[in-house]
Amino acid sequence: MIFNTLTTHILTVIFIATVFRSAFGFGESLIAVPLLALWMPLDVAVPLSVLVSITIAGIVVIQDWDKIHLKSAGGLIGFTLIGIPIGLLLLVKTDERIVKAALGLVVSLFSLYLLTGKQLKELKKDSLPWLFGCGLLSGILGGAYGINGPPLVVYGAKRRWSAQHFRATVQGYFLIASAVGMIGYWLTGLLVTAVFHYYLLSLPVMVPAVFIGRLINNRLNSESFFKYVYVVLLGIGLFLLIKSIVG
């Protein structure tokens, strides 16, 4: 009975998180990790979430490779790899609660600003300074807290990507970034048998969830898509603020 309850919980969480990620392109870790951690150790939940991320990204890249802005994704990935060690250093050397509170406040205020109807100035083509800034910040946030998404949203919004191009391009980014993260988990001995057990158990619900998310994404135009994404960002900001308070 315990095994059945645990299995049902894991499959439900993975399904919901995968649909969300496939529809909007990011954010599944904020759903999956806290909920999975209620039923399993955090050092199992986090690598499991990253394996799920790699799988989703791989399927989406195969589905919609022709919609990926390769130059943009490559630039963001390159600068992200520089930012990840900085994020890890930030995690070790600073007060986590203060940084989370500051980050949550900035993300929340930025999201509220965009939800008022304001638009970021459009980038007609890829900009090295913007690729550097968004990629580096994404790497720092990912290395410190596993939250790569907000800077990617900023870059996608400035480039006026469609919902479909944003989803595909960001998955190209996450496929590489998550794979690098998985190497780190392997080197630190976190890829234990339980991670692969729950991952294989989740595949039957994960794969159809990716296709359901794709159907949702295809129904969204660019304007409505980014409004939904800004709401997601607001949720991330509030989540970080709450975490900084309650620990």
C-alpha atoms as a PDB file:
ATOM      1  CA  MET A   1       0.000   0.000   0.000  1.00  0.00           C
ATOM      2  CA  ILE A   2       2.854   2.381   0.794  1.00  0.00           C
ATOM      3  CA  PHE A   3       4.497   1.536  -2.527  1.00  0.00           C
ATOM      4  CA  ASN A   4       1.242   2.115  -4.401  1.00  0.00           C
ATOM      5  CA  THR A   5       0.681   5.465  -2.698  1.00  0.00           C
ATOM      6  CA  LEU A   6       4.252   6.543  -3.373  1.00  0.00           C
ATOM      7  CA  THR A   7       4.035   5.475  -7.022  1.00  0.00           C
ATOM      8  CA  THR A   8       0.767   7.315  -7.564  1.00  0.00           C
ATOM      9  CA  HIS A   9       2.165  10.478  -5.999  1.00  0.00           C
ATOM     10  CA  ILE A  10       5.347  10.416  -8.095  1.00  0.00           C
ATOM     11  CA  LEU A  11       3.539   9.733 -11.368  1.00  0.00           C
ATOM     12  CA  THR A  12       0.996  12.485 -10.704  1.00  0.00           C
ATOM     13  CA  VAL A  13       3.670  15.066  -9.888  1.00  0.00           C
ATOM     14  CA  ILE A  14       5.816  14.128 -12.905  1.00  0.00           C
ATOM     15  CA  PHE A  15       2.802  14.257 -15.223  1.00  0.00           C
ATOM     16  CA  ILE A  16       1.677  17.728 -14.067  1.00  0.00           C
ATOM     17  CA  ALA A  17       5.217  19.136 -14.071  1.00  0.00           C
ATOM     18  CA  THR A  18       5.913  17.738 -17.548  1.00  0.00           C
ATOM     19  CA  VAL A  19       2.715  19.180 -19.055  1.00  0.00           C
ATOM     20  CA  PHE A  20       3.618  22.552 -17.539  1.00  0.00           C
ATOM     21  CA  ARG A  21       7.202  22.448 -18.825  1.00  0.00           C
ATOM     22  CA  SER A  22       6.173  21.302 -22.289  1.00  0.00           C
ATOM     23  CA  ALA A  23       3.531  24.020 -22.573  1.00  0.00           C
ATOM     24  CA  PHE A  24       5.566  26.965 -21.260  1.00  0.00           C
ATOM     25  CA  GLY A  25       9.162  25.845 -21.744  1.00  0.00           C
ATOM     26  CA  PHE A  26      10.423  26.077 -18.155  1.00  0.00           C
ATOM     27  CA  GLY A  27       9.416  25.998 -14.492  1.00  0.00           C
ATOM     28  CA  GLU A  28       8.738  22.305 -13.933  1.00  0.00           C
ATOM     29  CA  SER A  29      11.385  22.030 -11.188  1.00  0.00           C
ATOM     30  CA  LEU A  30       9.411  24.440  -8.990  1.00  0.00           C
ATOM     31  CA  ILE A  31       6.494  22.016  -9.195  1.00  0.00           C
ATOM     32  CA  ALA A  32       8.349  18.716  -9.158  1.00  0.00           C
ATOM     33  CA  VAL A  33      11.126  19.166  -6.595  1.00  0.00           C
ATOM     34  CA  PRO A  34       9.105  20.509  -3.613  1.00  0.00           C
ATOM     35  CA  LEU A  35       6.317  17.954  -4.114  1.00  0.00           C
ATOM     36  CA  LEU A  36       8.602  14.985  -4.753  1.00  0.00           C
ATOM     37  CA  ALA A  37      10.631  15.959  -1.682  1.00  0.00           C
ATOM     38  CA  LEU A  38       7.555  15.292   0.454  1.00  0.00           C
ATOM     39  CA  TRP A  39       7.927  11.618  -0.354  1.00  0.00           C
ATOM     40  CA  MET A  40      11.615  11.058  -1.076  1.00  0.00           C
ATOM     41  CA  PRO A  41      15.009  12.499  -0.075  1.00  0.00           C
ATOM     42  CA  LEU A  42      15.918  15.801  -1.733  1.00  0.00           C
ATOM     43  CA  ASP A  43      19.120  14.298  -3.126  1.00  0.00           C
ATOM     44  CA  VAL A  44      16.923  11.862  -5.062  1.00  0.00           C
ATOM     45  CA  ALA A  45      14.206  14.356  -6.036  1.00  0.00           C
ATOM     46  CA  VAL A  46      16.600  16.892  -7.584  1.00  0.00           C
ATOM     47  CA  PRO A  47      18.521  14.491  -9.894  1.00  0.00           C
ATOM     48  CA  LEU A  48      15.205  12.883 -10.843  1.00  0.00           C
ATOM     49  CA  SER A  49      13.853  16.299 -11.821  1.00  0.00           C
ATOM     50  CA  VAL A  50      16.948  16.971 -13.941  1.00  0.00           C
ATOM     51  CA  LEU A  51      16.594  13.603 -15.715  1.00  0.00           C
ATOM     52  CA  VAL A  52      12.982  14.503 -16.463  1.00  0.00           C
ATOM     53  CA  SER A  53      14.177  17.882 -17.766  1.00  0.00           C
ATOM     54  CA  ILE A  54      16.649  16.231 -20.140  1.00  0.00           C
ATOM     55  CA  THR A  55      13.986  13.856 -21.426  1.00  0.00           C
ATOM     56  CA  ILE A  56      11.446  16.617 -22.061  1.00  0.00           C
ATOM     57  CA  ALA A  57      14.044  18.765 -23.796  1.00  0.00           C
ATOM     58  CA  GLY A  58      15.189  15.856 -25.958  1.00  0.00           C
ATOM     59  CA  ILE A  59      11.668  15.028 -27.121  1.00  0.00           C
ATOM     60  CA  VAL A  60      10.843  18.669 -27.865  1.00  0.00           C
ATOM     61  CA  VAL A  61      14.094  19.172 -29.790  1.00  0.00           C
ATOM     62  CA  ILE A  62      13.273  16.131 -31.937  1.00  0.00           C
ATOM     63  CA  GLN A  63       9.694  17.349 -32.440  1.00  0.00           C
ATOM     64  CA  ASP A  64      10.446  20.960 -33.294  1.00  0.00           C
ATOM     65  CA  TRP A  65      14.126  21.225 -34.167  1.00  0.00           C
ATOM     66  CA  ASP A  66      13.237  23.475 -37.115  1.00  0.00           C
ATOM     67  CA  LYS A  67      11.815  26.079 -34.707  1.00  0.00           C
ATOM     68  CA  ILE A  68      15.012  26.395 -32.644  1.00  0.00           C
ATOM     69  CA  HIS A  69      16.985  29.625 -32.965  1.00  0.00           C
ATOM     70  CA  LEU A  70      20.329  27.836 -32.942  1.00  0.00           C
ATOM     71  CA  LYS A  71      22.491  30.958 -32.709  1.00  0.00           C
ATOM     72  CA  SER A  72      20.483  32.296 -29.773  1.00  0.00           C
ATOM     73  CA  ALA A  73      20.489  28.967 -27.956  1.00  0.00           C
ATOM     74  CA  GLY A  74      24.231  28.530 -28.527  1.00  0.00           C
ATOM     75  CA  GLY A  75      25.039  31.994 -27.213  1.00  0.00           C
ATOM     76  CA  LEU A  76      22.879  31.576 -24.125  1.00  0.00           C
ATOM     77  CA  ILE A  77      24.377  28.150 -23.386  1.00  0.00           C
ATOM     78  CA  GLY A  78      27.946  29.402 -23.748  1.00  0.00           C
ATOM     79  CA  PHE A  79      27.506  32.232 -21.265  1.00  0.00           C
ATOM     80  CA  THR A  80      25.444  30.025 -18.953  1.00  0.00           C
ATOM     81  CA  LEU A  81      28.390  27.669 -18.564  1.00  0.00           C
ATOM     82  CA  ILE A  82      30.414  30.634 -17.333  1.00  0.00           C
ATOM     83  CA  GLY A  83      27.705  31.597 -14.863  1.00  0.00           C
ATOM     84  CA  ILE A  84      27.148  28.178 -13.262  1.00  0.00           C
ATOM     85  CA  PRO A  85      30.394  28.181 -11.198  1.00  0.00           C
ATOM     86  CA  ILE A  86      29.607  31.726 -10.053  1.00  0.00           C
ATOM     87  CA  GLY A  87      26.190  30.544  -8.909  1.00  0.00           C
ATOM     88  CA  LEU A  88      27.708  27.640  -6.995  1.00  0.00           C
ATOM     89  CA  LEU A  89      30.126  30.053  -5.300  1.00  0.00           C
ATOM     90  CA  LEU A  90      27.226  32.364  -4.461  1.00  0.00           C
ATOM     91  CA  LEU A  91      25.367  29.453  -2.902  1.00  0.00           C
ATOM     92  CA  VAL A  92      28.335  28.570  -0.693  1.00  0.00           C
ATOM     93  CA  LYS A  93      29.544  32.054   0.278  1.00  0.00           C
ATOM     94  CA  THR A  94      26.361  34.082   0.842  1.00  0.00           C
ATOM     95  CA  ASP A  95      23.317  33.967   3.084  1.00  0.00           C
ATOM     96  CA  GLU A  96      20.857  31.922   1.043  1.00  0.00           C
ATOM     97  CA  ARG A  97      17.733  33.475   2.568  1.00  0.00           C
ATOM     98  CA  ILE A  98      18.821  37.054   1.859  1.00  0.00           C
ATOM     99  CA  VAL A  99      19.687  36.257  -1.755  1.00  0.00           C
ATOM    100  CA  LYS A 100      16.417  34.367  -2.293  1.00  0.00           C
ATOM    101  CA  ALA A 101      14.441  37.262  -0.814  1.00  0.00           C
ATOM    102  CA  ALA A 102      16.180  39.795  -3.057  1.00  0.00           C
ATOM    103  CA  LEU A 103      15.772  37.604  -6.131  1.00  0.00           C
ATOM    104  CA  GLY A 104      12.114  36.902  -5.348  1.00  0.00           C
ATOM    105  CA  LEU A 105      11.385  40.603  -4.876  1.00  0.00           C
ATOM    106  CA  VAL A 106      13.065  41.576  -8.158  1.00  0.00           C
ATOM    107  CA  VAL A 107      11.344  38.818 -10.160  1.00  0.00           C
ATOM    108  CA  SER A 108       7.950  39.631  -8.615  1.00  0.00           C
ATOM    109  CA  LEU A 109       8.193  43.376  -9.294  1.00  0.00           C
ATOM    110  CA  PHE A 110       9.490  42.772 -12.818  1.00  0.00           C
ATOM    111  CA  SER A 111       6.616  40.376 -13.549  1.00  0.00           C
ATOM    112  CA  LEU A 112       4.019  42.792 -12.184  1.00  0.00           C
ATOM    113  CA  TYR A 113       5.509  45.550 -14.353  1.00  0.00           C
ATOM    114  CA  LEU A 114       5.177  43.414 -17.484  1.00  0.00           C
ATOM    115  CA  LEU A 115       1.662  42.272 -16.542  1.00  0.00           C
ATOM    116  CA  THR A 116       0.545  45.924 -16.648  1.00  0.00           C
ATOM    117  CA  GLY A 117       0.992  45.765 -20.416  1.00  0.00           C
ATOM    118  CA  LYS A 118       4.470  47.248 -20.675  1.00  0.00           C
ATOM    119  CA  GLN A 119       6.683  45.698 -23.348  1.00  0.00           C
ATOM    120  CA  LEU A 120      10.418  45.282 -23.445  1.00  0.00           C
ATOM    121  CA  LYS A 121      12.123  47.052 -26.326  1.00  0.00           C
ATOM    122  CA  GLU A 122      12.399  44.643 -29.241  1.00  0.00           C
ATOM    123  CA  LEU A 123      15.701  43.157 -30.364  1.00  0.00           C
ATOM    124  CA  LYS A 124      15.542  42.761 -34.143  1.00  0.00           C
ATOM    125  CA  LYS A 125      18.480  40.340 -34.088  1.00  0.00           C
ATOM    126  CA  ASP A 126      20.693  38.578 -31.583  1.00  0.00           C
ATOM    127  CA  SER A 127      22.648  40.973 -29.395  1.00  0.00           C
ATOM    128  CA  LEU A 128      25.937  39.864 -27.819  1.00  0.00           C
ATOM    129  CA  PRO A 129      25.482  42.063 -24.711  1.00  0.00           C
ATOM    130  CA  TRP A 130      21.971  40.689 -24.151  1.00  0.00           C
ATOM    131  CA  LEU A 131      23.074  37.103 -24.819  1.00  0.00           C
ATOM    132  CA  PHE A 132      25.899  37.630 -22.344  1.00  0.00           C
ATOM    133  CA  GLY A 133      23.711  39.213 -19.667  1.00  0.00           C
ATOM    134  CA  CYS A 134      20.791  36.781 -19.918  1.00  0.00           C
ATOM    135  CA  GLY A 135      22.985  33.710 -20.387  1.00  0.00           C
ATOM    136  CA  LEU A 136      25.338  34.597 -17.526  1.00  0.00           C
ATOM    137  CA  LEU A 137      22.487  35.439 -15.155  1.00  0.00           C
ATOM    138  CA  SER A 138      20.669  32.251 -16.114  1.00  0.00           C
ATOM    139  CA  GLY A 139      23.790  30.247 -15.302  1.00  0.00           C
ATOM    140  CA  ILE A 140      24.251  32.023 -11.968  1.00  0.00           C
ATOM    141  CA  LEU A 141      20.636  31.437 -10.951  1.00  0.00           C
ATOM    142  CA  GLY A 142      20.753  27.868 -12.189  1.00  0.00           C
ATOM    143  CA  GLY A 143      23.993  27.088 -10.393  1.00  0.00           C
ATOM    144  CA  ALA A 144      22.799  28.623  -7.134  1.00  0.00           C
ATOM    145  CA  TYR A 145      19.110  27.680  -7.042  1.00  0.00           C
ATOM    146  CA  GLY A 146      18.244  25.665 -10.156  1.00  0.00           C
ATOM    147  CA  ILE A 147      16.147  28.533 -11.546  1.00  0.00           C
ATOM    148  CA  ASN A 148      17.422  29.228 -15.068  1.00  0.00           C
ATOM    149  CA  GLY A 149      14.138  30.443 -16.516  1.00  0.00           C
ATOM    150  CA  PRO A 150      13.604  34.183 -15.784  1.00  0.00           C
ATOM    151  CA  PRO A 151      16.534  35.543 -17.865  1.00  0.00           C
ATOM    152  CA  LEU A 152      15.507  33.275 -20.754  1.00  0.00           C
ATOM    153  CA  VAL A 153      12.012  34.759 -20.657  1.00  0.00           C
ATOM    154  CA  VAL A 154      13.488  38.255 -20.857  1.00  0.00           C
ATOM    155  CA  TYR A 155      15.552  37.369 -23.917  1.00  0.00           C
ATOM    156  CA  GLY A 156      12.673  35.575 -25.652  1.00  0.00           C
ATOM    157  CA  ALA A 157      10.327  38.491 -24.982  1.00  0.00           C
ATOM    158  CA  LYS A 158      12.808  41.016 -26.355  1.00  0.00           C
ATOM    159  CA  ARG A 159      13.314  38.930 -29.494  1.00  0.00           C
ATOM    160  CA  ARG A 160       9.513  38.626 -29.885  1.00  0.00           C
ATOM    161  CA  TRP A 161       9.689  34.870 -30.317  1.00  0.00           C
ATOM    162  CA  SER A 162       6.426  33.065 -30.899  1.00  0.00           C
ATOM    163  CA  ALA A 163       5.212  30.605 -28.251  1.00  0.00           C
ATOM    164  CA  GLN A 164       6.392  27.741 -30.458  1.00  0.00           C
ATOM    165  CA  HIS A 165       9.857  29.208 -31.117  1.00  0.00           C
ATOM    166  CA  PHE A 166      10.323  30.085 -27.449  1.00  0.00           C
ATOM    167  CA  ARG A 167       9.413  26.545 -26.364  1.00  0.00           C
ATOM    168  CA  ALA A 168      11.729  24.913 -28.897  1.00  0.00           C
ATOM    169  CA  THR A 169      14.692  27.254 -28.417  1.00  0.00           C
ATOM    170  CA  VAL A 170      14.572  27.076 -24.619  1.00  0.00           C
ATOM    171  CA  GLN A 171      14.453  23.261 -24.781  1.00  0.00           C
ATOM    172  CA  GLY A 172      17.575  23.293 -26.952  1.00  0.00           C
ATOM    173  CA  TYR A 173      19.162  25.372 -24.195  1.00  0.00           C
ATOM    174  CA  PHE A 174      17.961  23.096 -21.377  1.00  0.00           C
ATOM    175  CA  LEU A 175      19.058  19.925 -23.155  1.00  0.00           C
ATOM    176  CA  ILE A 176      22.698  21.029 -22.874  1.00  0.00           C
ATOM    177  CA  ALA A 177      22.458  22.869 -19.551  1.00  0.00           C
ATOM    178  CA  SER A 178      20.681  19.978 -17.822  1.00  0.00           C
ATOM    179  CA  ALA A 179      23.119  17.444 -19.255  1.00  0.00           C
ATOM    180  CA  VAL A 180      26.001  19.454 -17.771  1.00  0.00           C
ATOM    181  CA  GLY A 181      24.178  19.501 -14.440  1.00  0.00           C
ATOM    182  CA  MET A 182      23.669  15.742 -14.616  1.00  0.00           C
ATOM    183  CA  ILE A 183      27.418  15.228 -15.066  1.00  0.00           C
ATOM    184  CA  GLY A 184      27.875  17.163 -11.827  1.00  0.00           C
ATOM    185  CA  TYR A 185      25.417  14.895 -10.011  1.00  0.00           C
ATOM    186  CA  TRP A 186      27.243  11.844 -11.379  1.00  0.00           C
ATOM    187  CA  LEU A 187      30.620  13.147 -10.207  1.00  0.00           C
ATOM    188  CA  THR A 188      29.242  13.806  -6.727  1.00  0.00           C
ATOM    189  CA  GLY A 189      27.669  10.347  -6.455  1.00  0.00           C
ATOM    190  CA  LEU A 190      24.039  11.483  -6.492  1.00  0.00           C
ATOM    191  CA  LEU A 191      22.979   9.253  -9.407  1.00  0.00           C
ATOM    192  CA  VAL A 192      21.913   6.359  -7.202  1.00  0.00           C
ATOM    193  CA  THR A 193      19.740   3.393  -8.145  1.00  0.00           C
ATOM    194  CA  ALA A 194      16.592   5.003  -6.719  1.00  0.00           C
ATOM    195  CA  VAL A 195      16.873   7.929  -9.168  1.00  0.00           C
ATOM    196  CA  PHE A 196      16.879   5.622 -12.195  1.00  0.00           C
ATOM    197  CA  HIS A 197      14.157   3.442 -10.692  1.00  0.00           C
ATOM    198  CA  TYR A 198      11.735   6.349 -10.307  1.00  0.00           C
ATOM    199  CA  TYR A 199      12.775   7.784 -13.671  1.00  0.00           C
ATOM    200  CA  LEU A 200      11.950   4.571 -15.545  1.00  0.00           C
ATOM    201  CA  LEU A 201       8.730   4.326 -13.558  1.00  0.00           C
ATOM    202  CA  SER A 202       7.757   7.824 -14.743  1.00  0.00           C
ATOM    203  CA  LEU A 203       8.416   7.384 -18.469  1.00  0.00           C
ATOM    204  CA  PRO A 204       4.916   6.036 -19.320  1.00  0.00           C
ATOM    205  CA  VAL A 205       3.275   9.261 -18.047  1.00  0.00           C
ATOM    206  CA  MET A 206       6.102  11.623 -19.015  1.00  0.00           C
ATOM    207  CA  VAL A 207       6.024  10.994 -22.767  1.00  0.00           C
ATOM    208  CA  PRO A 208       2.288  11.618 -23.344  1.00  0.00           C
ATOM    209  CA  ALA A 209       2.493  14.656 -21.039  1.00  0.00           C
ATOM    210  CA  VAL A 210       5.061  16.230 -23.397  1.00  0.00           C
ATOM    211  CA  PHE A 211       2.618  15.900 -26.300  1.00  0.00           C
ATOM    212  CA  ILE A 212      -0.267  17.318 -24.251  1.00  0.00           C
ATOM    213  CA  GLY A 213       1.902  20.315 -23.359  1.00  0.00           C
ATOM    214  CA  ARG A 214       2.755  20.772 -27.034  1.00  0.00           C
ATOM    215  CA  LEU A 215      -0.938  20.899 -27.935  1.00  0.00           C
ATOM    216  CA  ILE A 216      -1.474  23.606 -25.309  1.00  0.00           C
ATOM    217  CA  ASN A 217       1.540  25.559 -26.563  1.00  0.00           C
ATOM    218  CA  ASN A 218       0.360  25.424 -30.179  1.00  0.00           C
ATOM    219  CA  ARG A 219      -2.936  27.057 -29.190  1.00  0.00           C
ATOM    220  CA  LEU A 220      -1.234  30.117 -27.714  1.00  0.00           C
ATOM    221  CA  ASN A 221      -0.334  33.199 -29.715  1.00  0.00           C
ATOM    222  CA  SER A 222       2.730  35.229 -28.760  1.00  0.00           C
ATOM    223  CA  GLU A 223       0.883  37.913 -26.792  1.00  0.00           C
ATOM    224  CA  SER A 224      -1.207  35.569 -24.669  1.00  0.00           C
ATOM    225  CA  PHE A 225       1.703  33.176 -24.249  1.00  0.00           C
ATOM    226  CA  PHE A 226       3.997  35.741 -22.672  1.00  0.00           C
ATOM    227  CA  LYS A 227       1.196  36.982 -20.412  1.00  0.00           C
ATOM    228  CA  TYR A 228       0.908  33.449 -19.049  1.00  0.00           C
ATOM    229  CA  VAL A 229       4.681  33.251 -18.746  1.00  0.00           C
ATOM    230  CA  TYR A 230       4.766  36.505 -16.752  1.00  0.00           C
ATOM    231  CA  VAL A 231       2.222  34.996 -14.367  1.00  0.00           C
ATOM    232  CA  VAL A 232       4.533  31.996 -13.989  1.00  0.00           C
ATOM    233  CA  LEU A 233       7.435  34.345 -13.257  1.00  0.00           C
ATOM    234  CA  LEU A 234       5.333  36.102 -10.634  1.00  0.00           C
ATOM    235  CA  GLY A 235       4.674  32.708  -9.053  1.00  0.00           C
ATOM    236  CA  ILE A 236       8.405  31.968  -9.037  1.00  0.00           C
ATOM    237  CA  GLY A 237       9.141  35.321  -7.397  1.00  0.00           C
ATOM    238  CA  LEU A 238       6.519  34.799  -4.697  1.00  0.00           C
ATOM    239  CA  PHE A 239       7.747  31.241  -4.156  1.00  0.00           C
ATOM    240  CA  LEU A 240      11.269  32.508  -3.533  1.00  0.00           C
ATOM    241  CA  LEU A 241      10.030  35.187  -1.157  1.00  0.00           C
ATOM    242  CA  ILE A 242       8.049  32.634   0.839  1.00  0.00           C
ATOM    243  CA  LYS A 243      11.003  30.235   0.900  1.00  0.00           C
ATOM    244  CA  SER A 244      13.263  33.010   2.191  1.00  0.00           C
ATOM    245  CA  ILE A 245      10.858  33.627   5.049  1.00  0.00           C
ATOM    246  CA  VAL A 246       9.954  30.083   6.100  1.00  0.00           C
ATOM    247  CA  GLY A 247      13.327  28.540   5.209  1.00  0.00           C
END
